Amino acid sequence: MKQRRFTLVLLVANLALLVAIAWALGAPIVPQWLAADPAPDPKAPAQPTPSPRLSQALLAETWAHPLFAPARQPDPSLPGEQVPALAGLTLSGVVLSTDAKLAYLRDGNEPAHKVELGATLGSGWTLSHLTATTATFTRNAQTYTLSLPLPRLPAPPKASVITPSRTPSL
């Protein structure tokens, strides 16, 4: 008698579960749509987002603390690369934008100073041409080009950083 009652309880529980599943699957799912955005006017021209204006002090600070240098210090100038015509000046940065055309020059360990295109240095050299990596100076029909130094990457490690696992392959 007990076993029959237990079987009956299991049968009722299974039927209730089947009815609940059938109801869940059969109930319609109504999506909740978001309100439609107003259509943009196709005749109105899209206005470009203006780039932010940075002060000259912020631009100079960028060159004083390079982002990808490990110590956030500018690359040291190599001995023997001194420019005899420009008395040890090195090109540490170039800014080419619609508003400014600047070269950042460094004299030894002094902070970098900016020179605008067409400006004349105290030694008489005039910045006559700028590219993304060079600055060309002229004086008395002489020209001299300073280039950005290309720092060398550190040597790769002798040992592999990732060691293979010692599990046997099948």
Protein backbone atom coordinates (compact mmCIF):
# COMPACT_ATOMS: atom_id res chain seq x y z
CA MET A 1 0.00 0.00 0.00
CA LYS A 2 2.83 2.38 0.84
CA GLN A 3 4.55 1.75 -2.44
CA ARG A 4 1.37 2.43 -4.39
CA ARG A 5 0.84 5.72 -2.55
CA PHE A 6 4.48 6.73 -3.25
CA THR A 7 4.03 5.90 -6.94
CA LEU A 8 0.88 7.99 -7.05
CA VAL A 9 2.66 10.98 -5.44
CA LEU A 10 5.51 10.70 -7.98
CA LEU A 11 2.99 10.52 -10.84
CA VAL A 12 1.19 13.67 -9.64
CA ALA A 13 4.53 15.51 -9.17
CA ASN A 14 5.65 14.55 -12.72
CA LEU A 15 2.31 15.68 -14.18
CA ALA A 16 2.54 19.01 -12.33
CA LEU A 17 6.09 19.49 -13.62
CA LEU A 18 5.01 18.71 -17.21
CA VAL A 19 2.11 21.15 -16.97
CA ALA A 20 4.46 23.88 -15.65
CA ILE A 21 6.93 23.27 -18.49
CA ALA A 22 4.18 23.27 -21.11
CA TRP A 23 2.76 26.51 -19.72
CA ALA A 24 6.22 28.19 -19.71
CA LEU A 25 6.91 27.12 -23.29
CA GLY A 26 3.47 27.98 -24.53
CA ALA A 27 3.22 31.46 -22.99
CA PRO A 28 3.91 34.17 -25.55
CA ILE A 29 7.04 36.23 -24.95
CA VAL A 30 6.41 39.88 -25.63
CA PRO A 31 9.59 41.85 -26.32
CA GLN A 32 10.12 45.14 -24.53
CA TRP A 33 11.23 47.54 -27.28
CA LEU A 34 13.09 50.76 -26.60
CA ALA A 35 11.64 54.03 -27.80
CA ALA A 36 12.76 54.92 -31.31
CA ASP A 37 15.40 57.67 -31.65
CA PRO A 38 14.36 60.63 -33.74
CA ALA A 39 15.73 60.34 -37.27
CA PRO A 40 18.65 62.69 -37.96
CA ASP A 41 18.12 65.38 -40.56
CA PRO A 42 19.91 64.12 -43.70
CA LYS A 43 20.34 67.67 -45.01
CA ALA A 44 22.20 68.93 -41.92
CA PRO A 45 26.00 68.52 -42.23
CA ALA A 46 27.72 66.62 -39.47
CA GLN A 47 29.96 68.87 -37.38
CA PRO A 48 33.38 67.36 -36.57
CA THR A 49 34.36 67.27 -32.93
CA PRO A 50 37.09 69.86 -32.37
CA SER A 51 40.31 68.59 -30.87
CA PRO A 52 41.14 69.95 -27.44
CA ARG A 53 43.51 72.92 -27.27
CA LEU A 54 46.65 72.12 -25.28
CA SER A 55 48.83 74.79 -23.80
CA GLN A 56 52.47 75.05 -24.81
CA ALA A 57 53.45 74.13 -21.24
CA LEU A 58 51.57 70.82 -21.48
CA LEU A 59 53.17 70.05 -24.84
CA ALA A 60 56.63 70.77 -23.40
CA GLU A 61 55.87 68.52 -20.42
CA THR A 62 55.05 65.67 -22.81
CA TRP A 63 58.55 65.79 -24.25
CA ALA A 64 60.17 66.13 -20.83
CA HIS A 65 58.56 62.85 -19.63
CA PRO A 66 58.29 60.40 -22.58
CA LEU A 67 55.50 57.88 -22.23
CA PHE A 68 57.39 54.79 -23.45
CA ALA A 69 60.72 55.39 -21.72
CA PRO A 70 61.00 53.05 -18.71
CA ALA A 71 62.17 55.77 -16.31
CA ARG A 72 59.99 58.44 -17.98
CA GLN A 73 63.19 60.39 -18.69
CA PRO A 74 64.30 61.57 -22.14
CA ASP A 75 66.89 59.50 -23.96
CA PRO A 76 70.44 60.60 -23.16
CA SER A 77 72.36 62.02 -26.07
CA LEU A 78 75.25 59.86 -27.22
CA PRO A 79 78.76 61.33 -27.12
CA GLY A 80 80.12 61.84 -30.62
CA GLU A 81 76.71 62.87 -31.95
CA GLN A 82 77.32 66.47 -30.97
CA VAL A 83 76.56 68.88 -33.78
CA PRO A 84 79.53 71.21 -34.21
CA ALA A 85 77.47 73.74 -36.17
CA LEU A 86 74.68 73.90 -33.60
CA ALA A 87 76.84 73.64 -30.46
CA GLY A 88 75.50 70.41 -28.98
CA LEU A 89 71.78 70.89 -29.60
CA THR A 90 69.75 67.73 -30.06
CA LEU A 91 66.25 67.43 -31.46
CA SER A 92 64.01 65.96 -28.77
CA GLY A 93 60.60 66.43 -30.38
CA VAL A 94 58.57 67.84 -33.25
CA VAL A 95 55.00 69.16 -33.15
CA LEU A 96 53.21 69.49 -36.48
CA SER A 97 49.60 70.60 -36.22
CA THR A 98 47.34 73.10 -37.90
CA ASP A 99 48.00 75.60 -35.12
CA ALA A 100 51.68 75.05 -34.37
CA LYS A 101 54.84 73.90 -36.09
CA LEU A 102 57.45 73.53 -33.36
CA ALA A 103 60.78 71.82 -32.79
CA TYR A 104 61.89 71.00 -29.26
CA LEU A 105 65.64 71.34 -28.84
CA ARG A 106 67.72 70.19 -25.90
CA ASP A 107 71.11 71.62 -25.01
CA GLY A 108 72.92 68.97 -22.96
CA ASN A 109 71.02 68.35 -19.72
CA GLU A 110 69.05 71.60 -19.92
CA PRO A 111 65.27 71.39 -20.28
CA ALA A 112 64.01 71.33 -23.85
CA HIS A 113 63.00 74.65 -25.37
CA LYS A 114 60.69 75.17 -28.29
CA VAL A 115 61.55 76.84 -31.58
CA GLU A 116 58.79 77.81 -33.99
CA LEU A 117 59.18 77.35 -37.74
CA GLY A 118 60.92 80.45 -39.12
CA ALA A 119 62.40 81.48 -35.74
CA THR A 120 66.12 82.23 -35.42
CA LEU A 121 68.30 80.84 -32.63
CA GLY A 122 70.80 82.99 -30.76
CA SER A 123 73.61 81.43 -32.83
CA GLY A 124 72.04 82.73 -36.05
CA TRP A 125 70.56 79.44 -37.28
CA THR A 126 66.96 79.70 -38.58
CA LEU A 127 64.52 76.80 -38.43
CA SER A 128 63.54 76.56 -42.08
CA HIS A 129 61.88 73.15 -42.51
CA LEU A 130 60.19 70.57 -40.25
CA THR A 131 59.16 66.97 -40.84
CA ALA A 132 57.88 64.43 -38.33
CA THR A 133 61.44 63.32 -37.48
CA THR A 134 63.77 66.11 -38.65
CA ALA A 135 64.37 69.83 -38.26
CA THR A 136 66.42 71.70 -40.88
CA PHE A 137 68.27 74.88 -39.95
CA THR A 138 69.87 77.40 -42.34
CA ARG A 139 72.48 80.13 -41.84
CA ASN A 140 74.48 81.98 -44.48
CA ALA A 141 73.55 79.50 -47.25
CA GLN A 142 74.52 76.56 -45.00
CA THR A 143 71.94 73.96 -44.02
CA TYR A 144 72.06 71.45 -41.22
CA THR A 145 69.45 68.84 -40.35
CA LEU A 146 68.87 67.50 -36.85
CA SER A 147 67.07 64.15 -36.58
CA LEU A 148 65.23 62.62 -33.68
CA PRO A 149 67.44 60.00 -32.03
CA LEU A 150 66.28 56.44 -32.56
CA PRO A 151 66.77 54.66 -29.23
CA ARG A 152 67.67 51.02 -29.47
CA LEU A 153 65.45 48.42 -27.90
CA PRO A 154 66.96 46.31 -25.13
CA ALA A 155 68.36 42.92 -26.11
CA PRO A 156 65.92 40.00 -25.84
CA PRO A 157 66.29 37.77 -22.78
CA LYS A 158 68.65 34.81 -23.04
CA ALA A 159 66.14 32.34 -21.56
CA SER A 160 62.57 31.94 -22.67
CA VAL A 161 60.07 33.69 -20.42
CA ILE A 162 57.52 30.91 -20.92
CA THR A 163 58.74 27.44 -20.08
CA PRO A 164 57.03 24.49 -21.75
CA SER A 165 55.22 22.02 -19.53
CA ARG A 166 56.75 18.63 -18.97
CA THR A 167 53.67 16.60 -19.77
CA PRO A 168 54.26 13.80 -22.25
CA SER A 169 52.46 14.11 -25.54
CA LEU A 170 50.45 11.20 -26.87
